Protein backbone atom coordinates (compact mmCIF):
# COMPACT_ATOMS: atom_id res chain seq x y z
CA MET A 1 153.40 124.42 64.34
CA ILE A 2 156.45 122.85 66.03
CA ALA A 3 158.64 123.79 63.06
CA GLN A 4 157.40 127.37 63.26
CA ILE A 5 158.21 127.51 66.95
CA SER A 6 161.69 126.12 66.32
CA ALA A 7 162.41 128.73 63.65
CA MET A 8 161.44 131.55 65.96
CA GLY A 9 164.25 130.76 68.38
CA GLN A 10 163.93 131.53 72.04
CA ILE A 11 160.42 132.40 73.16
CA GLN A 12 159.96 134.18 76.44
CA ALA A 13 156.73 134.14 78.39
CA LYS A 14 155.66 137.31 80.15
CA ARG A 15 156.81 137.05 83.74
CA THR A 16 154.61 138.26 86.54
CA CYS A 17 155.57 138.15 90.20
CA PRO A 18 153.39 135.75 92.20
CA THR A 19 150.93 137.22 94.64
CA GLN A 20 151.23 136.58 98.36
CA THR A 21 148.17 134.29 98.18
CA GLU A 22 149.79 132.14 95.50
CA LYS A 23 153.01 131.95 97.50
CA SER A 24 151.22 130.87 100.64
CA ALA A 25 149.29 128.22 98.68
CA GLY A 26 152.59 126.86 97.37
CA LEU A 27 151.19 126.66 93.83
CA LEU A 28 151.92 128.71 90.73
CA LYS A 29 150.24 128.51 87.33
CA PRO A 30 151.33 129.98 83.99
CA PHE A 31 150.10 133.48 83.19
CA THR A 32 150.92 133.48 79.47
CA PRO A 33 149.71 130.63 77.27
CA TYR A 34 152.08 128.97 74.81
CA PHE A 35 151.12 127.76 71.35
CA GLU A 36 148.88 124.75 70.82
CA ARG A 37 150.30 121.78 72.66
CA ASN A 38 149.57 118.52 74.44
CA SER A 39 148.74 118.40 78.12
CA PHE A 40 150.92 115.58 79.43
CA ILE A 41 151.70 117.46 82.63
CA LYS A 42 150.03 120.32 84.48
CA GLU A 43 151.83 123.60 83.99
CA GLU A 44 151.86 124.55 87.61
CA VAL A 45 154.54 124.47 90.26
CA ASN A 46 154.51 123.08 93.74
CA MET A 47 157.20 124.56 95.99
CA GLN A 48 158.24 121.06 97.01
CA GLU A 49 159.08 120.29 93.36
CA LEU A 50 161.21 123.41 93.14
CA SER A 51 162.99 122.56 96.36
CA SER A 52 163.73 119.06 95.03
CA LEU A 53 165.27 120.54 91.88
CA HIS A 54 167.39 122.89 93.98
CA ASP A 55 168.59 119.88 95.97
CA LEU A 56 169.68 118.26 92.68
CA GLY A 57 171.86 121.27 91.90
CA PHE A 58 169.51 123.42 89.79
CA THR A 59 169.77 126.25 92.32
CA LYS A 60 169.10 129.05 89.81
CA MET A 61 165.71 127.67 88.75
CA THR A 62 162.78 129.90 89.70
CA GLU A 63 159.07 129.12 89.87
CA HIS A 64 158.53 130.67 86.45
CA ASP A 65 161.49 128.78 84.98
CA LEU A 66 159.87 125.53 86.03
CA ILE A 67 156.50 126.56 84.58
CA GLU A 68 158.21 127.37 81.25
CA THR A 69 160.04 124.06 81.34
CA LYS A 70 156.82 122.10 81.82
CA ALA A 71 155.10 124.10 79.08
CA ALA A 72 158.02 123.39 76.74
CA LEU A 73 157.78 119.65 77.47
CA ASN A 74 154.08 119.79 76.56
CA VAL A 75 154.99 121.53 73.28
CA ILE A 76 157.65 119.05 72.17
CA GLY A 77 156.08 115.91 73.68
CA TYR A 78 154.52 113.33 71.37
CA ASN A 79 151.78 110.78 71.86
CA PRO A 80 154.04 107.69 71.75
CA SER A 81 151.47 105.42 70.07
CA VAL A 82 150.96 107.78 67.12
CA LYS A 83 154.65 108.62 66.92
CA LEU A 84 155.82 104.98 66.78
CA ILE A 85 153.32 104.10 64.06
CA ASN A 86 154.50 107.05 61.98
CA LEU A 87 158.15 106.17 62.56
CA LEU A 88 157.65 102.64 61.28
CA ILE A 89 155.70 103.90 58.26
CA GLU A 90 158.69 106.09 57.41
CA ASN A 91 161.43 103.52 58.14
CA ASP A 92 162.48 99.95 57.36
CA VAL A 93 163.29 99.17 61.00
CA LEU A 94 161.95 100.32 64.35
CA GLY A 95 164.56 99.61 67.03
CA PHE A 96 162.82 99.16 70.37
CA ALA A 97 164.87 98.82 73.56
CA ARG A 98 164.34 95.70 75.65
CA PRO A 99 164.77 96.79 79.30
CA GLY A 100 167.04 94.96 81.71
CA VAL A 101 164.02 93.40 83.44
CA ASP A 102 161.23 91.44 81.82
CA ASN A 103 158.37 93.01 83.79
CA HIS A 104 158.35 96.57 82.54
CA PRO A 105 155.84 99.13 81.15
CA HIS A 106 158.01 99.58 78.03
CA LEU A 107 157.35 95.96 77.03
CA ASN A 108 153.69 96.33 78.00
CA PHE A 109 153.38 99.40 75.82
CA LEU A 110 154.80 97.66 72.75
CA THR A 111 152.55 94.65 73.40
CA THR A 112 149.40 96.76 73.23
CA LEU A 113 150.66 98.53 70.09
CA LEU A 114 151.66 95.44 68.07
CA PRO A 115 148.30 94.99 66.24
CA ARG A 116 148.29 98.65 65.15
CA LEU A 117 151.94 98.55 64.07
CA LYS A 118 151.06 95.61 61.84
CA LYS A 119 147.80 96.97 60.47
CA GLU A 120 148.68 100.67 60.12
CA ALA A 121 152.46 100.62 59.63
CA GLY A 122 152.91 97.29 57.82
CA ALA A 123 155.18 95.58 60.39
CA THR A 124 155.88 91.97 59.43
CA HIS A 125 158.74 90.62 61.57
CA ILE A 126 160.15 91.00 65.07
CA ALA A 127 163.91 90.47 65.20
CA LEU A 128 164.81 89.28 68.70
CA ALA A 129 168.15 89.49 70.48
CA LEU A 130 167.99 85.75 71.20
CA PRO A 131 170.46 83.02 70.17
CA LYS A 132 169.78 81.55 66.74
CA SER A 133 169.68 78.14 68.41
CA LEU A 134 166.24 79.13 69.76
CA GLN A 135 164.73 79.56 66.27
CA LYS A 136 163.21 76.07 66.24
CA LEU A 137 161.57 76.78 69.61
CA LEU A 138 160.15 80.05 68.22
CA ASP A 139 158.86 78.32 65.08
CA VAL A 140 156.99 75.74 67.16
CA PHE A 141 155.74 78.50 69.47
CA LEU A 142 154.22 80.35 66.50
CA VAL A 143 152.23 77.21 65.64
CA THR A 144 151.28 75.91 69.08
CA GLY A 145 151.52 78.93 71.36
CA GLU A 146 153.68 76.91 73.75
CA ILE A 147 157.30 77.38 74.80
CA LEU A 148 158.68 73.84 74.84
CA PRO A 149 161.81 73.56 77.05
CA ASN A 150 162.96 70.35 75.34
CA LEU A 151 163.55 72.36 72.15
CA SER A 152 165.95 74.74 73.88
CA PRO A 153 169.71 74.10 74.06
CA VAL A 154 170.05 77.00 76.54
CA ASN A 155 168.58 77.91 79.92
CA LEU A 156 165.26 79.60 79.09
CA SER A 157 165.27 81.62 82.32
CA ASP A 158 168.39 83.43 81.14
CA TYR A 159 166.41 84.85 78.21
CA GLY A 160 163.09 85.64 79.92
CA LEU A 161 161.35 82.67 78.29
CA LYS A 162 160.22 80.92 81.44
CA GLY A 163 157.40 81.69 83.87
CA GLU A 164 155.14 84.71 83.46
CA ASN A 165 156.48 88.11 82.50
CA ASP A 166 155.85 91.03 80.14
CA TYR A 167 158.43 89.76 77.62
CA LEU A 168 156.59 86.46 77.17
CA SER A 169 153.28 88.32 76.99
CA LEU A 170 154.73 90.40 74.17
CA LEU A 171 155.76 87.29 72.23
CA LYS A 172 152.29 85.81 72.69
CA ALA A 173 150.67 89.01 71.42
CA ALA A 174 153.04 89.03 68.43
CA ARG A 175 152.01 85.46 67.59
CA LEU A 176 148.30 86.33 67.73
CA ALA A 177 148.88 89.42 65.58
CA GLY A 178 150.58 87.32 62.87
CA TYR A 179 154.22 88.40 63.21
CA GLN A 180 157.22 86.29 62.27
CA LEU A 181 159.64 85.93 65.20
CA ILE A 182 163.30 85.69 64.21
CA ALA A 183 166.22 85.03 66.59
CA ILE A 184 169.21 86.93 65.23
CA GLU A 185 171.92 86.74 67.88
CA PRO A 186 174.88 84.36 67.34
CA ASN A 187 175.15 81.34 69.64
CA THR A 188 178.65 82.24 70.80
CA PRO A 189 179.14 83.60 74.36
CA VAL A 190 178.55 87.33 74.70
CA ARG A 191 181.62 89.59 74.75
CA ALA A 192 181.58 93.30 75.47
CA PHE A 193 181.93 95.48 72.36
CA ASP A 194 182.14 92.56 69.93
CA PRO A 195 182.06 94.05 66.38
CA GLN A 196 181.52 90.66 64.73
CA ARG A 197 178.42 90.03 66.84
CA GLU A 198 176.89 93.35 65.73
CA GLN A 199 177.70 92.57 62.09
CA ILE A 200 175.98 89.16 62.31
CA MET A 201 172.85 90.67 63.86
CA ALA A 202 172.72 93.51 61.33
CA ARG A 203 173.13 91.03 58.47
CA ALA A 204 170.23 88.94 59.81
CA ILE A 205 167.96 91.99 59.80
CA GLN A 206 169.08 92.90 56.28
CA ASN A 207 168.21 89.35 55.15
CA ILE A 208 164.70 89.76 56.60
CA LEU A 209 164.22 93.06 54.77
CA ARG A 210 165.43 91.55 51.50
CA SER A 211 163.28 88.43 51.87
CA ALA A 212 160.11 90.31 50.91
CA ASP A 213 159.32 93.57 49.12
CA LYS A 214 157.19 94.95 51.94
CA ALA A 215 159.03 93.57 54.96
CA LYS A 216 159.25 95.89 57.95
CA VAL A 217 161.10 94.89 61.11
CA ILE A 218 160.67 95.67 64.80
CA PHE A 219 164.11 95.09 66.31
CA LEU A 220 163.72 94.27 70.01
CA ALA A 221 167.11 94.34 71.73
CA PRO A 222 169.07 95.94 74.61
CA ASP A 223 169.69 99.63 73.95
CA LYS A 224 173.44 99.11 73.41
CA HIS A 225 172.53 97.66 69.99
CA LEU A 226 170.42 100.71 69.09
CA GLY A 227 173.09 103.41 69.08
CA TYR A 228 174.53 105.01 65.96
CA LEU A 229 178.04 105.89 67.13
CA SER A 230 181.04 103.57 67.04
CA VAL A 231 183.40 102.79 69.90
CA GLY A 232 186.69 102.02 68.20
CA ASP A 233 185.97 99.25 65.69
CA TRP A 234 182.68 98.39 67.44
CA MET A 235 179.61 99.75 65.68
CA PRO A 236 176.11 98.97 67.06
CA VAL A 237 173.55 97.22 64.86
CA ALA A 238 171.57 100.43 64.27
CA GLY A 239 174.68 102.24 63.08
CA ILE A 240 175.57 99.42 60.68
CA LEU A 241 172.07 99.36 59.19
CA LYS A 242 172.16 103.12 58.67
CA GLU A 243 175.58 102.93 57.02
CA GLU A 244 174.27 100.18 54.71
CA GLY A 245 171.48 102.48 53.50
CA PHE A 246 168.56 101.09 55.51
CA THR A 247 166.28 103.52 57.33
CA ILE A 248 165.90 102.96 61.06
CA SER A 249 164.49 104.83 64.03
CA THR A 250 165.35 103.82 67.60
CA VAL A 251 163.29 104.07 70.79
CA ASN A 252 164.52 103.86 74.36
CA GLN A 253 162.75 104.48 77.68
CA TYR A 254 162.88 105.94 81.17
CA TRP A 255 160.82 104.76 84.11
CA HIS A 256 160.82 105.72 87.77
CA SER A 257 162.43 102.47 88.94
CA ASP A 258 165.21 102.57 86.37
CA PHE A 259 168.53 104.29 86.85
CA ILE A 260 167.39 107.65 85.46
CA PRO A 261 168.22 111.28 86.13
CA LYS A 262 166.21 112.24 89.19
CA VAL A 263 165.22 115.48 87.52
CA PHE A 264 162.39 113.65 85.71
CA ALA A 265 160.90 112.66 89.05
CA CYS A 266 160.51 116.38 89.75
CA LEU A 267 159.49 117.60 86.30
CA LEU A 268 157.03 114.83 85.54
CA LYS A 269 155.58 114.12 88.96
CA GLY A 270 152.03 114.61 87.69
CA LEU A 271 152.51 112.56 84.51
CA SER A 272 149.57 110.16 84.02
CA HIS A 273 150.30 108.89 80.48
CA PRO A 274 153.55 108.05 78.67
CA ILE A 275 155.23 110.93 76.88
CA ALA A 276 157.67 110.59 73.97
CA LEU A 277 160.51 113.06 73.44
CA ALA A 278 162.58 113.15 70.26
CA SER A 279 166.31 113.83 70.47
CA LYS A 280 166.04 116.18 67.49
CA ASP A 281 163.80 118.47 69.54
CA VAL A 282 166.35 119.05 72.29
CA LYS A 283 167.49 122.36 70.75
CA MET A 284 163.89 123.50 70.46
CA PHE A 285 163.39 122.66 74.12
CA ALA A 286 166.33 124.89 75.00
CA ALA A 287 164.79 127.68 72.91
CA LEU A 288 161.42 127.39 74.63
CA GLN A 289 162.45 127.27 78.27
CA SER A 290 164.78 129.11 80.56
CA ARG A 291 168.49 128.37 80.66
CA SER A 292 168.17 127.07 84.21
CA LEU A 293 167.74 123.53 82.95
CA SER A 294 169.22 122.04 79.79
CA LEU A 295 167.52 118.93 78.46
CA GLU A 296 170.86 117.73 77.10
CA LEU A 297 171.66 116.85 80.71
CA VAL A 298 168.75 114.44 81.00
CA LEU A 299 167.81 113.27 77.50
CA PRO A 300 170.58 111.38 75.67
CA SER A 301 170.91 111.71 71.91
CA ASN A 302 171.98 108.07 71.42
CA TRP A 303 168.43 107.21 70.38
CA ASP A 304 165.87 108.96 68.19
CA LEU A 305 163.03 108.79 70.70
CA THR A 306 162.75 108.33 74.44
CA ILE A 307 159.46 107.32 76.06
CA ILE A 308 159.00 108.35 79.68
CA TYR A 309 156.54 106.31 81.70
CA PRO A 310 154.59 107.53 84.73
CA LYS A 311 155.41 106.18 88.15
CA ALA A 312 151.94 104.69 88.59
CA THR A 313 152.16 102.57 85.41
CA ILE A 314 152.50 99.36 87.40
CA GLY A 315 149.75 98.31 89.78
CA LYS A 316 150.40 98.00 93.52
CA LYS A 317 149.44 94.34 93.63
CA ARG A 318 151.70 93.50 90.73
CA LEU A 319 154.55 95.55 92.19
CA PHE A 320 154.14 93.71 95.51
CA LYS A 321 154.17 90.37 93.70
CA GLN A 322 157.36 91.34 91.82
CA THR A 323 159.01 92.41 95.07
CA VAL A 324 158.14 89.11 96.74
CA VAL A 325 159.45 87.12 93.75
CA GLU A 326 162.70 89.12 93.68
CA MET A 327 163.18 88.70 97.45
CA SER A 328 162.50 84.98 97.12
CA ARG A 329 165.09 84.64 94.35
CA LEU A 330 167.63 86.57 96.38
CA PHE A 331 166.97 84.42 99.45
CA ASN A 332 167.26 81.19 97.46
CA ALA A 333 170.45 82.36 95.77
CA ASN A 334 172.05 83.23 99.10
CA PHE A 335 170.83 80.01 100.70
CA LEU A 336 172.16 77.86 97.87
CA PHE A 337 175.43 79.78 97.88
CA GLY A 338 175.79 79.07 101.59
CA LYS A 339 175.04 75.41 100.97
CA ARG A 340 177.69 75.11 98.30
CA LYS A 341 180.18 76.75 100.59
CA LYS A 342 179.73 74.01 103.17
């Protein structure tokens, strides 16, 4: 159905002027149904949403434009669980972005999906952007379920391997599901745009894939390693793997607390479940909705899939706890800094 819609080009919904009652209620609903689609967000418009979009610079957007935009997102949106399983079935590697913080719904989402990715898609290994010097620690962890600090030559806190967080929960779930955990990053200090580092990591993933006939890898790393385009002589891991003939699909994320285009806060205010958008569908999105908003402005094409998480994904208690922990760390850091200064 999606392919048929794409081939048809731009589709216009019949526009009807809102009645005075609808205007006074501040709520508009679509008059013309689109084709079969998901229902990630309600296809109705609150005037406050429209005002927020105008404040962001989308001054030409009308109520009906916004309705069409939401309907188009429901057409091209995927259930991320089903989509990720299918992507790994079709590819050798699923590149999954590790966010900049270790308490994040993106990590939580992958954690819950790990058993299905193994059972339904045949995933066997998780390649981690961790120094190779931590491999012995990971091997012992797979046997005992314990992270033993005495086996680490580096500061575990620097890699999210200390305390309680979603990254550690993911590793524990991977162990219980029967995955092999492989550290693939070189032990040398990190340099920006280091082509040799990307080559070493790509080679490590290739070795995993060649180690067994049916090996399939989940590559968990910062999104800079998941791009396909080079910067000078620097080519990200995903780009190298693709050039070497391996099939890979990459997945990044947006969440309300991340540095994201604020337009999603307006468009997806009523989002209750994660929605996945594929970069290849951006042109279809433009064909389905008005020209008042171009998805190219908000959905980068560096990755194959972007999962957008609802604002309410994290519980209030947990959010409060995170805030307290972060404030405590900041206070301690400033206090210690002041002490050193004396």
